[in-house]
């Protein structure tokens, strides 16, 4: 479990470092996720190396959304004023994401 957590945090550190040093417009955690994805696909690391920590983190994923939910309450007045455009944007982007994910899955499955 410790080894898998260290690997995950190593890739997070790599992504954050790349973002910091090269001033990339992509978040460091996203870069780290892409790097760990590449490492897994290129067989640099095995899935079994990160699976214990990833299973644990996914099990408690909902806890990571609590701060964002509480942070939204700071903007309750803005949300109540613009709830229709915000709702349309959320619904549209969710449907677009689902469609593109399904399309990508079908293309990669062939």
PDB file of N, CA and C in Angstrom:
ATOM      1  N   UNK A   1       0.828  -1.201   0.000  1.00  0.00           N
ATOM      2  CA  UNK A   1       0.000   0.000   0.000  1.00  0.00           C
ATOM      3  C   UNK A   1       0.874   1.269   0.000  1.00  0.00           C
ATOM      4  N   UNK A   2       1.934   1.273   0.795  1.00  0.00           N
ATOM      5  CA  UNK A   2       2.810   2.440   0.875  1.00  0.00           C
ATOM      6  C   UNK A   2       3.517   2.658  -0.469  1.00  0.00           C
ATOM      7  N   UNK A   3       3.975   1.567  -1.077  1.00  0.00           N
ATOM      8  CA  UNK A   3       4.667   1.670  -2.364  1.00  0.00           C
ATOM      9  C   UNK A   3       3.745   2.247  -3.434  1.00  0.00           C
ATOM     10  N   UNK A   4       2.501   1.794  -3.444  1.00  0.00           N
ATOM     11  CA  UNK A   4       1.576   2.278  -4.458  1.00  0.00           C
ATOM     12  C   UNK A   4       1.216   3.744  -4.223  1.00  0.00           C
ATOM     13  N   UNK A   5       1.067   4.157  -2.976  1.00  0.00           N
ATOM     14  CA  UNK A   5       0.811   5.561  -2.674  1.00  0.00           C
ATOM     15  C   UNK A   5       2.008   6.424  -3.078  1.00  0.00           C
ATOM     16  N   UNK A   6       3.207   5.937  -2.802  1.00  0.00           N
ATOM     17  CA  UNK A   6       4.405   6.673  -3.183  1.00  0.00           C
ATOM     18  C   UNK A   6       4.503   6.840  -4.700  1.00  0.00           C
ATOM     19  N   UNK A   7       4.151   5.803  -5.440  1.00  0.00           N
ATOM     20  CA  UNK A   7       4.170   5.905  -6.909  1.00  0.00           C
ATOM     21  C   UNK A   7       3.165   6.946  -7.403  1.00  0.00           C
ATOM     22  N   UNK A   8       1.967   6.915  -6.838  1.00  0.00           N
ATOM     23  CA  UNK A   8       0.940   7.872  -7.249  1.00  0.00           C
ATOM     24  C   UNK A   8       1.397   9.291  -6.932  1.00  0.00           C
ATOM     25  N   UNK A   9       1.934   9.500  -5.730  1.00  0.00           N
ATOM     26  CA  UNK A   9       2.399  10.838  -5.359  1.00  0.00           C
ATOM     27  C   UNK A   9       3.642  11.254  -6.146  1.00  0.00           C
ATOM     28  N   UNK A  10       4.455  10.301  -6.556  1.00  0.00           N
ATOM     29  CA  UNK A  10       5.609  10.613  -7.398  1.00  0.00           C
ATOM     30  C   UNK A  10       5.156  11.186  -8.739  1.00  0.00           C
ATOM     31  N   UNK A  11       4.138  10.562  -9.326  1.00  0.00           N
ATOM     32  CA  UNK A  11       3.636  11.067 -10.603  1.00  0.00           C
ATOM     33  C   UNK A  11       2.918  12.399 -10.419  1.00  0.00           C
ATOM     34  N   UNK A  12       2.271  12.591  -9.287  1.00  0.00           N
ATOM     35  CA  UNK A  12       1.674  13.888  -8.988  1.00  0.00           C
ATOM     36  C   UNK A  12       2.769  14.951  -8.887  1.00  0.00           C
ATOM     37  N   UNK A  13       3.857  14.626  -8.200  1.00  0.00           N
ATOM     38  CA  UNK A  13       4.984  15.548  -8.073  1.00  0.00           C
ATOM     39  C   UNK A  13       5.611  15.853  -9.434  1.00  0.00           C
ATOM     40  N   UNK A  14       5.752  14.828 -10.273  1.00  0.00           N
ATOM     41  CA  UNK A  14       6.286  15.043 -11.624  1.00  0.00           C
ATOM     42  C   UNK A  14       5.395  15.994 -12.431  1.00  0.00           C
ATOM     43  N   UNK A  15       4.104  15.769 -12.364  1.00  0.00           N
ATOM     44  CA  UNK A  15       3.173  16.631 -13.088  1.00  0.00           C
ATOM     45  C   UNK A  15       3.194  18.059 -12.576  1.00  0.00           C
ATOM     46  N   UNK A  16       3.194  18.219 -11.252  1.00  0.00           N
ATOM     47  CA  UNK A  16       3.248  19.559 -10.663  1.00  0.00           C
ATOM     48  C   UNK A  16       4.562  20.246 -11.010  1.00  0.00           C
ATOM     49  N   UNK A  17       5.649  19.500 -11.010  1.00  0.00           N
ATOM     50  CA  UNK A  17       6.962  20.074 -11.349  1.00  0.00           C
ATOM     51  C   UNK A  17       7.001  20.527 -12.804  1.00  0.00           C
ATOM     52  N   UNK A  18       6.486  19.698 -13.709  1.00  0.00           N
ATOM     53  CA  UNK A  18       6.435  20.084 -15.123  1.00  0.00           C
ATOM     54  C   UNK A  18       5.619  21.353 -15.310  1.00  0.00           C
ATOM     55  N   UNK A  19       4.493  21.419 -14.648  1.00  0.00           N
ATOM     56  CA  UNK A  19       3.627  22.586 -14.767  1.00  0.00           C
ATOM     57  C   UNK A  19       4.322  23.826 -14.209  1.00  0.00           C
ATOM     58  N   UNK A  20       5.010  23.687 -13.091  1.00  0.00           N
ATOM     59  CA  UNK A  20       5.675  24.822 -12.453  1.00  0.00           C
ATOM     60  C   UNK A  20       6.855  25.324 -13.277  1.00  0.00           C
ATOM     61  N   UNK A  21       7.725  24.426 -13.699  1.00  0.00           N
ATOM     62  CA  UNK A  21       8.945  24.839 -14.387  1.00  0.00           C
ATOM     63  C   UNK A  21       8.692  25.329 -15.810  1.00  0.00           C
ATOM     64  N   UNK A  22       7.720  24.740 -16.496  1.00  0.00           N
ATOM     65  CA  UNK A  22       7.445  25.133 -17.873  1.00  0.00           C
ATOM     66  C   UNK A  22       6.244  26.071 -18.004  1.00  0.00           C
ATOM     67  N   UNK A  23       5.632  26.434 -16.859  1.00  0.00           N
ATOM     68  CA  UNK A  23       4.476  27.341 -16.840  1.00  0.00           C
ATOM     69  C   UNK A  23       3.403  26.915 -17.842  1.00  0.00           C
ATOM     70  N   UNK A  24       3.069  25.622 -17.799  1.00  0.00           N
ATOM     71  CA  UNK A  24       2.071  25.065 -18.710  1.00  0.00           C
ATOM     72  C   UNK A  24       0.673  25.471 -18.270  1.00  0.00           C
ATOM     73  N   UNK A  25      -0.251  25.636 -19.212  1.00  0.00           N
ATOM     74  CA  UNK A  25      -1.617  26.031 -18.850  1.00  0.00           C
ATOM     75  C   UNK A  25      -2.491  24.856 -18.402  1.00  0.00           C
ATOM     76  N   UNK A  26      -1.875  23.721 -18.124  1.00  0.00           N
ATOM     77  CA  UNK A  26      -2.596  22.527 -17.674  1.00  0.00           C
ATOM     78  C   UNK A  26      -2.229  22.286 -16.219  1.00  0.00           C
ATOM     79  N   UNK A  27      -3.209  21.911 -15.416  1.00  0.00           N
ATOM     80  CA  UNK A  27      -2.960  21.656 -13.994  1.00  0.00           C
ATOM     81  C   UNK A  27      -1.959  20.512 -13.826  1.00  0.00           C
ATOM     82  N   UNK A  28      -1.126  20.631 -12.815  1.00  0.00           N
ATOM     83  CA  UNK A  28      -0.096  19.630 -12.563  1.00  0.00           C
ATOM     84  C   UNK A  28      -0.660  18.259 -12.255  1.00  0.00           C
ATOM     85  N   UNK A  29      -1.803  18.212 -11.558  1.00  0.00           N
ATOM     86  CA  UNK A  29      -2.385  16.902 -11.258  1.00  0.00           C
ATOM     87  C   UNK A  29      -2.883  16.209 -12.521  1.00  0.00           C
ATOM     88  N   UNK A  30      -3.333  16.974 -13.498  1.00  0.00           N
ATOM     89  CA  UNK A  30      -3.761  16.394 -14.774  1.00  0.00           C
ATOM     90  C   UNK A  30      -2.545  15.872 -15.537  1.00  0.00           C
ATOM     91  N   UNK A  31      -1.451  16.634 -15.518  1.00  0.00           N
ATOM     92  CA  UNK A  31      -0.224  16.166 -16.157  1.00  0.00           C
ATOM     93  C   UNK A  31       0.277  14.889 -15.495  1.00  0.00           C
ATOM     94  N   UNK A  32       0.230  14.844 -14.168  1.00  0.00           N
ATOM     95  CA  UNK A  32       0.653  13.651 -13.443  1.00  0.00           C
ATOM     96  C   UNK A  32      -0.204  12.447 -13.795  1.00  0.00           C
ATOM     97  N   UNK A  33      -1.517  12.681 -13.935  1.00  0.00           N
ATOM     98  CA  UNK A  33      -2.412  11.593 -14.304  1.00  0.00           C
ATOM     99  C   UNK A  33      -2.087  11.090 -15.706  1.00  0.00           C
ATOM    100  N   UNK A  34      -1.775  12.020 -16.603  1.00  0.00           N
ATOM    101  CA  UNK A  34      -1.388  11.612 -17.948  1.00  0.00           C
ATOM    102  C   UNK A  34      -0.076  10.835 -17.951  1.00  0.00           C
ATOM    103  N   UNK A  35       0.859  11.260 -17.120  1.00  0.00           N
ATOM    104  CA  UNK A  35       2.137  10.553 -17.033  1.00  0.00           C
ATOM    105  C   UNK A  35       1.982   9.148 -16.472  1.00  0.00           C
ATOM    106  N   UNK A  36       1.149   8.993 -15.448  1.00  0.00           N
ATOM    107  CA  UNK A  36       0.957   7.656 -14.887  1.00  0.00           C
ATOM    108  C   UNK A  36       0.201   6.776 -15.885  1.00  0.00           C
ATOM    109  N   UNK A  37      -0.690   7.388 -16.666  1.00  0.00           N
ATOM    110  CA  UNK A  37      -1.389   6.651 -17.716  1.00  0.00           C
ATOM    111  C   UNK A  37      -0.399   6.137 -18.757  1.00  0.00           C
ATOM    112  N   UNK A  38       0.514   7.023 -19.175  1.00  0.00           N
ATOM    113  CA  UNK A  38       1.538   6.607 -20.139  1.00  0.00           C
ATOM    114  C   UNK A  38       2.442   5.526 -19.562  1.00  0.00           C
ATOM    115  N   UNK A  39       2.831   5.685 -18.309  1.00  0.00           N
ATOM    116  CA  UNK A  39       3.707   4.693 -17.678  1.00  0.00           C
ATOM    117  C   UNK A  39       3.021   3.333 -17.598  1.00  0.00           C
ATOM    118  N   UNK A  40       1.735   3.330 -17.321  1.00  0.00           N
ATOM    119  CA  UNK A  40       0.995   2.064 -17.276  1.00  0.00           C
ATOM    120  C   UNK A  40       0.866   1.452 -18.667  1.00  0.00           C
ATOM    121  N   UNK A  41       0.577   2.281 -19.665  1.00  0.00           N
ATOM    122  CA  UNK A  41       0.437   1.766 -21.033  1.00  0.00           C
ATOM    123  C   UNK A  41       1.749   1.277 -21.613  1.00  0.00           C
ATOM    124  N   UNK A  42       2.834   1.947 -21.267  1.00  0.00           N
ATOM    125  CA  UNK A  42       4.145   1.549 -21.779  1.00  0.00           C
ATOM    126  C   UNK A  42       4.802   0.475 -20.921  1.00  0.00           C
ATOM    127  N   UNK A  43       4.074  -0.011 -19.928  1.00  0.00           N
ATOM    128  CA  UNK A  43       4.540  -1.079 -19.035  1.00  0.00           C
ATOM    129  C   UNK A  43       5.781  -0.667 -18.223  1.00  0.00           C
ATOM    130  N   UNK A  44       5.954   0.632 -17.984  1.00  0.00           N
ATOM    131  CA  UNK A  44       7.029   1.102 -17.118  1.00  0.00           C
ATOM    132  C   UNK A  44       6.723   0.700 -15.679  1.00  0.00           C
ATOM    133  N   UNK A  45       5.449   0.820 -15.316  1.00  0.00           N
ATOM    134  CA  UNK A  45       4.974   0.315 -14.020  1.00  0.00           C
ATOM    135  C   UNK A  45       3.807  -0.627 -14.285  1.00  0.00           C
ATOM    136  N   UNK A  46       3.595  -1.538 -13.397  1.00  0.00           N
ATOM    137  CA  UNK A  46       2.505  -2.503 -13.532  1.00  0.00           C
ATOM    138  C   UNK A  46       1.275  -2.002 -12.770  1.00  0.00           C
ATOM    139  N   UNK A  47       0.117  -2.417 -13.222  1.00  0.00           N
ATOM    140  CA  UNK A  47      -1.126  -2.031 -12.560  1.00  0.00           C
ATOM    141  C   UNK A  47      -1.132  -2.482 -11.103  1.00  0.00           C
ATOM    142  N   UNK A  48      -0.564  -3.635 -10.838  1.00  0.00           N
ATOM    143  CA  UNK A  48      -0.528  -4.158  -9.467  1.00  0.00           C
ATOM    144  C   UNK A  48       0.297  -3.263  -8.543  1.00  0.00           C
ATOM    145  N   UNK A  49       1.192  -2.452  -9.130  1.00  0.00           N
ATOM    146  CA  UNK A  49       2.014  -1.551  -8.326  1.00  0.00           C
ATOM    147  C   UNK A  49       1.217  -0.388  -7.746  1.00  0.00           C
ATOM    148  N   UNK A  50       0.160   0.043  -8.437  1.00  0.00           N
ATOM    149  CA  UNK A  50      -0.625   1.190  -7.968  1.00  0.00           C
ATOM    150  C   UNK A  50      -2.045   0.829  -7.556  1.00  0.00           C
ATOM    151  N   UNK A  51      -2.461  -0.397  -7.794  1.00  0.00           N
ATOM    152  CA  UNK A  51      -3.844  -0.795  -7.529  1.00  0.00           C
ATOM    153  C   UNK A  51      -4.266  -0.673  -6.066  1.00  0.00           C
ATOM    154  N   UNK A  52      -3.468  -1.072  -5.083  1.00  0.00           N
ATOM    155  CA  UNK A  52      -3.941  -0.958  -3.694  1.00  0.00           C
ATOM    156  C   UNK A  52      -4.292   0.477  -3.290  1.00  0.00           C
ATOM    157  N   UNK A  53      -3.440   1.412  -3.620  1.00  0.00           N
ATOM    158  CA  UNK A  53      -3.706   2.802  -3.252  1.00  0.00           C
ATOM    159  C   UNK A  53      -4.847   3.384  -4.075  1.00  0.00           C
ATOM    160  N   UNK A  54      -4.895   3.041  -5.361  1.00  0.00           N
ATOM    161  CA  UNK A  54      -5.963   3.588  -6.199  1.00  0.00           C
ATOM    162  C   UNK A  54      -7.325   3.058  -5.769  1.00  0.00           C
ATOM    163  N   UNK A  55      -7.408   1.792  -5.397  1.00  0.00           N
ATOM    164  CA  UNK A  55      -8.668   1.249  -4.899  1.00  0.00           C
ATOM    165  C   UNK A  55      -9.092   1.954  -3.616  1.00  0.00           C
ATOM    166  N   UNK A  56      -8.140   2.200  -2.737  1.00  0.00           N
ATOM    167  CA  UNK A  56      -8.437   2.896  -1.484  1.00  0.00           C
ATOM    168  C   UNK A  56      -8.918   4.322  -1.752  1.00  0.00           C
ATOM    169  N   UNK A  57      -8.232   5.029  -2.647  1.00  0.00           N
ATOM    170  CA  UNK A  57      -8.609   6.412  -2.937  1.00  0.00           C
ATOM    171  C   UNK A  57      -9.972   6.494  -3.620  1.00  0.00           C
ATOM    172  N   UNK A  58     -10.255   5.571  -4.515  1.00  0.00           N
ATOM    173  CA  UNK A  58     -11.558   5.570  -5.183  1.00  0.00           C
ATOM    174  C   UNK A  58     -12.677   5.238  -4.195  1.00  0.00           C
ATOM    175  N   UNK A  59     -12.390   4.375  -3.242  1.00  0.00           N
ATOM    176  CA  UNK A  59     -13.390   4.009  -2.242  1.00  0.00           C
ATOM    177  C   UNK A  59     -13.861   5.229  -1.454  1.00  0.00           C
ATOM    178  N   UNK A  60     -12.948   6.164  -1.203  1.00  0.00           N
ATOM    179  CA  UNK A  60     -13.280   7.355  -0.417  1.00  0.00           C
ATOM    180  C   UNK A  60     -13.278   8.621  -1.257  1.00  0.00           C
ATOM    181  N   UNK A  61     -13.523   8.486  -2.550  1.00  0.00           N
ATOM    182  CA  UNK A  61     -13.494   9.615  -3.472  1.00  0.00           C
ATOM    183  C   UNK A  61     -14.496  10.699  -3.098  1.00  0.00           C
ATOM    184  N   UNK A  62     -15.651  10.317  -2.612  1.00  0.00           N
ATOM    185  CA  UNK A  62     -16.692  11.292  -2.285  1.00  0.00           C
ATOM    186  C   UNK A  62     -16.214  12.279  -1.224  1.00  0.00           C
ATOM    187  N   UNK A  63     -15.335  11.875  -0.348  1.00  0.00           N
ATOM    188  CA  UNK A  63     -14.821  12.765   0.699  1.00  0.00           C
ATOM    189  C   UNK A  63     -14.049  13.935   0.090  1.00  0.00           C
ATOM    190  N   UNK A  64     -13.406  13.709  -1.054  1.00  0.00           N
ATOM    191  CA  UNK A  64     -12.625  14.763  -1.685  1.00  0.00           C
ATOM    192  C   UNK A  64     -13.500  15.863  -2.282  1.00  0.00           C
ATOM    193  N   UNK A  65     -14.789  15.616  -2.472  1.00  0.00           N
ATOM    194  CA  UNK A  65     -15.679  16.618  -3.041  1.00  0.00           C
ATOM    195  C   UNK A  65     -16.322  17.505  -1.987  1.00  0.00           C
ATOM    196  N   UNK A  66     -16.200  17.172  -0.730  1.00  0.00           N
ATOM    197  CA  UNK A  66     -16.814  17.974   0.330  1.00  0.00           C
ATOM    198  C   UNK A  66     -16.287  19.398   0.348  1.00  0.00           C
ATOM    199  N   UNK A  67     -14.984  19.642   0.291  1.00  0.00           N
ATOM    200  CA  UNK A  67     -14.521  21.042   0.298  1.00  0.00           C
ATOM    201  C   UNK A  67     -15.061  21.862  -0.872  1.00  0.00           C
ATOM    202  N   UNK A  68     -15.194  21.240  -2.035  1.00  0.00           N
ATOM    203  CA  UNK A  68     -15.717  21.976  -3.182  1.00  0.00           C
ATOM    204  C   UNK A  68     -17.193  22.302  -3.003  1.00  0.00           C
ATOM    205  N   UNK A  69     -17.934  21.381  -2.434  1.00  0.00           N
ATOM    206  CA  UNK A  69     -19.348  21.635  -2.160  1.00  0.00           C
ATOM    207  C   UNK A  69     -19.533  22.756  -1.159  1.00  0.00           C
ATOM    208  N   UNK A  70     -18.716  22.761  -0.123  1.00  0.00           N
ATOM    209  CA  UNK A  70     -18.776  23.835   0.868  1.00  0.00           C
ATOM    210  C   UNK A  70     -18.337  25.155   0.242  1.00  0.00           C
ATOM    211  N   UNK A  71     -17.321  25.103  -0.605  1.00  0.00           N
ATOM    212  CA  UNK A  71     -16.852  26.311  -1.284  1.00  0.00           C
ATOM    213  C   UNK A  71     -17.906  26.927  -2.189  1.00  0.00           C
ATOM    214  N   UNK A  72     -18.777  26.114  -2.746  1.00  0.00           N
ATOM    215  CA  UNK A  72     -19.854  26.634  -3.589  1.00  0.00           C
ATOM    216  C   UNK A  72     -20.807  27.517  -2.800  1.00  0.00           C
ATOM    217  N   UNK A  73     -20.953  27.261  -1.521  1.00  0.00           N
ATOM    218  CA  UNK A  73     -21.876  28.045  -0.707  1.00  0.00           C
ATOM    219  C   UNK A  73     -21.427  29.499  -0.577  1.00  0.00           C
ATOM    220  N   UNK A  74     -20.155  29.772  -0.797  1.00  0.00           N
ATOM    221  CA  UNK A  74     -19.657  31.146  -0.787  1.00  0.00           C
ATOM    222  C   UNK A  74     -20.288  31.930  -1.935  1.00  0.00           C
ATOM    223  N   UNK A  75     -20.562  31.240  -3.014  1.00  0.00           N
ATOM    224  CA  UNK A  75     -21.121  31.878  -4.207  1.00  0.00           C
ATOM    225  C   UNK A  75     -22.613  31.606  -4.361  1.00  0.00           C
ATOM    226  N   UNK A  76     -23.322  31.396  -3.273  1.00  0.00           N
ATOM    227  CA  UNK A  76     -24.754  31.072  -3.331  1.00  0.00           C
ATOM    228  C   UNK A  76     -25.552  32.178  -4.009  1.00  0.00           C
ATOM    229  N   UNK A  77     -25.200  33.429  -3.778  1.00  0.00           N
ATOM    230  CA  UNK A  77     -25.946  34.529  -4.409  1.00  0.00           C
ATOM    231  C   UNK A  77     -25.754  34.546  -5.924  1.00  0.00           C
ATOM    232  N   UNK A  78     -24.544  34.280  -6.384  1.00  0.00           N
ATOM    233  CA  UNK A  78     -24.289  34.221  -7.826  1.00  0.00           C
ATOM    234  C   UNK A  78     -24.981  33.008  -8.436  1.00  0.00           C
ATOM    235  N   UNK A  79     -24.910  31.876  -7.740  1.00  0.00           N
ATOM    236  CA  UNK A  79     -25.573  30.667  -8.238  1.00  0.00           C
ATOM    237  C   UNK A  79     -27.081  30.862  -8.339  1.00  0.00           C
ATOM    238  N   UNK A  80     -27.687  31.522  -7.365  1.00  0.00           N
ATOM    239  CA  UNK A  80     -29.130  31.734  -7.414  1.00  0.00           C
ATOM    240  C   UNK A  80     -29.509  32.708  -8.524  1.00  0.00           C
ATOM    241  N   UNK A  81     -28.621  33.645  -8.841  1.00  0.00           N
ATOM    242  CA  UNK A  81     -28.902  34.617  -9.898  1.00  0.00           C
ATOM    243  C   UNK A  81     -28.740  34.015 -11.297  1.00  0.00           C
ATOM    244  N   UNK A  82     -27.762  33.130 -11.477  1.00  0.00           N
ATOM    245  CA  UNK A  82     -27.454  32.566 -12.798  1.00  0.00           C
ATOM    246  C   UNK A  82     -27.672  31.059 -12.857  1.00  0.00           C
ATOM    247  N   UNK A  83     -28.647  30.552 -12.141  1.00  0.00           N
ATOM    248  CA  UNK A  83     -28.809  29.099 -12.060  1.00  0.00           C
ATOM    249  C   UNK A  83     -29.220  28.486 -13.400  1.00  0.00           C
ATOM    250  N   UNK A  84     -29.957  29.202 -14.216  1.00  0.00           N
ATOM    251  CA  UNK A  84     -30.393  28.628 -15.504  1.00  0.00           C
ATOM    252  C   UNK A  84     -29.197  28.445 -16.455  1.00  0.00           C
ATOM    253  N   UNK A  85     -28.382  29.472 -16.721  1.00  0.00           N
ATOM    254  CA  UNK A  85     -27.239  29.232 -17.618  1.00  0.00           C
ATOM    255  C   UNK A  85     -26.240  28.228 -17.047  1.00  0.00           C
ATOM    256  N   UNK A  86     -26.060  28.252 -15.733  1.00  0.00           N
ATOM    257  CA  UNK A  86     -25.147  27.294 -15.112  1.00  0.00           C
ATOM    258  C   UNK A  86     -25.683  25.877 -15.282  1.00  0.00           C
ATOM    259  N   UNK A  87     -26.976  25.688 -15.062  1.00  0.00           N
ATOM    260  CA  UNK A  87     -27.580  24.361 -15.216  1.00  0.00           C
ATOM    261  C   UNK A  87     -27.490  23.868 -16.656  1.00  0.00           C
ATOM    262  N   UNK A  88     -27.753  24.754 -17.604  1.00  0.00           N
ATOM    263  CA  UNK A  88     -27.658  24.377 -19.018  1.00  0.00           C
ATOM    264  C   UNK A  88     -26.220  23.979 -19.366  1.00  0.00           C
ATOM    265  N   UNK A  89     -25.254  24.760 -18.897  1.00  0.00           N
ATOM    266  CA  UNK A  89     -23.856  24.453 -19.177  1.00  0.00           C
ATOM    267  C   UNK A  89     -23.444  23.122 -18.550  1.00  0.00           C
ATOM    268  N   UNK A  90     -23.875  22.861 -17.329  1.00  0.00           N
ATOM    269  CA  UNK A  90     -23.522  21.600 -16.661  1.00  0.00           C
ATOM    270  C   UNK A  90     -24.152  20.416 -17.380  1.00  0.00           C
ATOM    271  N   UNK A  91     -25.427  20.532 -17.728  1.00  0.00           N
ATOM    272  CA  UNK A  91     -26.115  19.433 -18.410  1.00  0.00           C
ATOM    273  C   UNK A  91     -25.495  19.192 -19.793  1.00  0.00           C
ATOM    274  N   UNK A  92     -25.261  20.272 -20.543  1.00  0.00           N
ATOM    275  CA  UNK A  92     -24.676  20.133 -21.883  1.00  0.00           C
ATOM    276  C   UNK A  92     -23.278  19.517 -21.814  1.00  0.00           C
ATOM    277  N   UNK A  93     -22.445  20.011 -20.910  1.00  0.00           N
ATOM    278  CA  UNK A  93     -21.083  19.483 -20.836  1.00  0.00           C
ATOM    279  C   UNK A  93     -21.074  18.032 -20.356  1.00  0.00           C
ATOM    280  N   UNK A  94     -22.007  17.664 -19.482  1.00  0.00           N
ATOM    281  CA  UNK A  94     -22.098  16.277 -19.032  1.00  0.00           C
ATOM    282  C   UNK A  94     -22.493  15.360 -20.181  1.00  0.00           C
ATOM    283  N   UNK A  95     -23.502  15.777 -20.939  1.00  0.00           N
ATOM    284  CA  UNK A  95     -23.937  14.966 -22.084  1.00  0.00           C
ATOM    285  C   UNK A  95     -22.844  14.877 -23.144  1.00  0.00           C
ATOM    286  N   UNK A  96     -22.150  15.976 -23.389  1.00  0.00           N
ATOM    287  CA  UNK A  96     -21.057  15.962 -24.352  1.00  0.00           C
ATOM    288  C   UNK A  96     -19.938  15.026 -23.896  1.00  0.00           C
ATOM    289  N   UNK A  97     -19.623  15.077 -22.625  1.00  0.00           N
ATOM    290  CA  UNK A  97     -18.573  14.211 -22.079  1.00  0.00           C
ATOM    291  C   UNK A  97     -18.978  12.738 -22.183  1.00  0.00           C
ATOM    292  N   UNK A  98     -20.224  12.425 -21.855  1.00  0.00           N
ATOM    293  CA  UNK A  98     -20.699  11.045 -21.971  1.00  0.00           C
ATOM    294  C   UNK A  98     -20.645  10.563 -23.416  1.00  0.00           C
ATOM    295  N   UNK A  99     -21.084  11.424 -24.337  1.00  0.00           N
ATOM    296  CA  UNK A  99     -21.069  11.059 -25.755  1.00  0.00           C
ATOM    297  C   UNK A  99     -19.646  10.818 -26.251  1.00  0.00           C
ATOM    298  N   UNK A 100     -18.739  11.750 -25.942  1.00  0.00           N
ATOM    299  CA  UNK A 100     -17.361  11.614 -26.410  1.00  0.00           C
ATOM    300  C   UNK A 100     -16.652  10.424 -25.769  1.00  0.00           C
ATOM    301  N   UNK A 101     -16.963  10.145 -24.514  1.00  0.00           N
ATOM    302  CA  UNK A 101     -16.379   8.977 -23.854  1.00  0.00           C
ATOM    303  C   UNK A 101     -16.851   7.692 -24.521  1.00  0.00           C
ATOM    304  N   UNK A 102     -18.151   7.612 -24.809  1.00  0.00           N
ATOM    305  CA  UNK A 102     -18.686   6.437 -25.499  1.00  0.00           C
ATOM    306  C   UNK A 102     -18.113   6.280 -26.890  1.00  0.00           C
ATOM    307  N   UNK A 103     -17.980   7.393 -27.607  1.00  0.00           N
ATOM    308  CA  UNK A 103     -17.402   7.360 -28.950  1.00  0.00           C
ATOM    309  C   UNK A 103     -15.939   6.912 -28.909  1.00  0.00           C
ATOM    310  N   UNK A 104     -15.191   7.457 -27.985  1.00  0.00           N
ATOM    311  CA  UNK A 104     -13.781   7.074 -27.843  1.00  0.00           C
ATOM    312  C   UNK A 104     -13.648   5.606 -27.458  1.00  0.00           C
ATOM    313  N   UNK A 105     -14.517   5.147 -26.575  1.00  0.00           N
ATOM    314  CA  UNK A 105     -14.497   3.738 -26.174  1.00  0.00           C
ATOM    315  C   UNK A 105     -14.752   2.837 -27.376  1.00  0.00           C
ATOM    316  N   UNK A 106     -15.735   3.201 -28.188  1.00  0.00           N
ATOM    317  CA  UNK A 106     -16.047   2.387 -29.361  1.00  0.00           C
ATOM    318  C   UNK A 106     -14.898   2.392 -30.358  1.00  0.00           C
ATOM    319  N   UNK A 107     -14.245   3.532 -30.534  1.00  0.00           N
ATOM    320  CA  UNK A 107     -13.128   3.617 -31.478  1.00  0.00           C
ATOM    321  C   UNK A 107     -11.917   2.811 -31.000  1.00  0.00           C
ATOM    322  N   UNK A 108     -11.630   2.888 -29.704  1.00  0.00           N
ATOM    323  CA  UNK A 108     -10.482   2.182 -29.168  1.00  0.00           C
ATOM    324  C   UNK A 108     -10.733   0.683 -29.008  1.00  0.00           C
ATOM    325  N   UNK A 109     -11.980   0.304 -28.924  1.00  0.00           N
ATOM    326  CA  UNK A 109     -12.338  -1.110 -28.739  1.00  0.00           C
ATOM    327  C   UNK A 109     -12.129  -1.916 -30.007  1.00  0.00           C
ATOM    328  N   UNK A 110     -12.190  -1.253 -31.155  1.00  0.00           N
ATOM    329  CA  UNK A 110     -12.059  -1.944 -32.444  1.00  0.00           C
ATOM    330  C   UNK A 110     -10.658  -2.349 -32.741  1.00  0.00           C
TER     331      UNK A 110
END
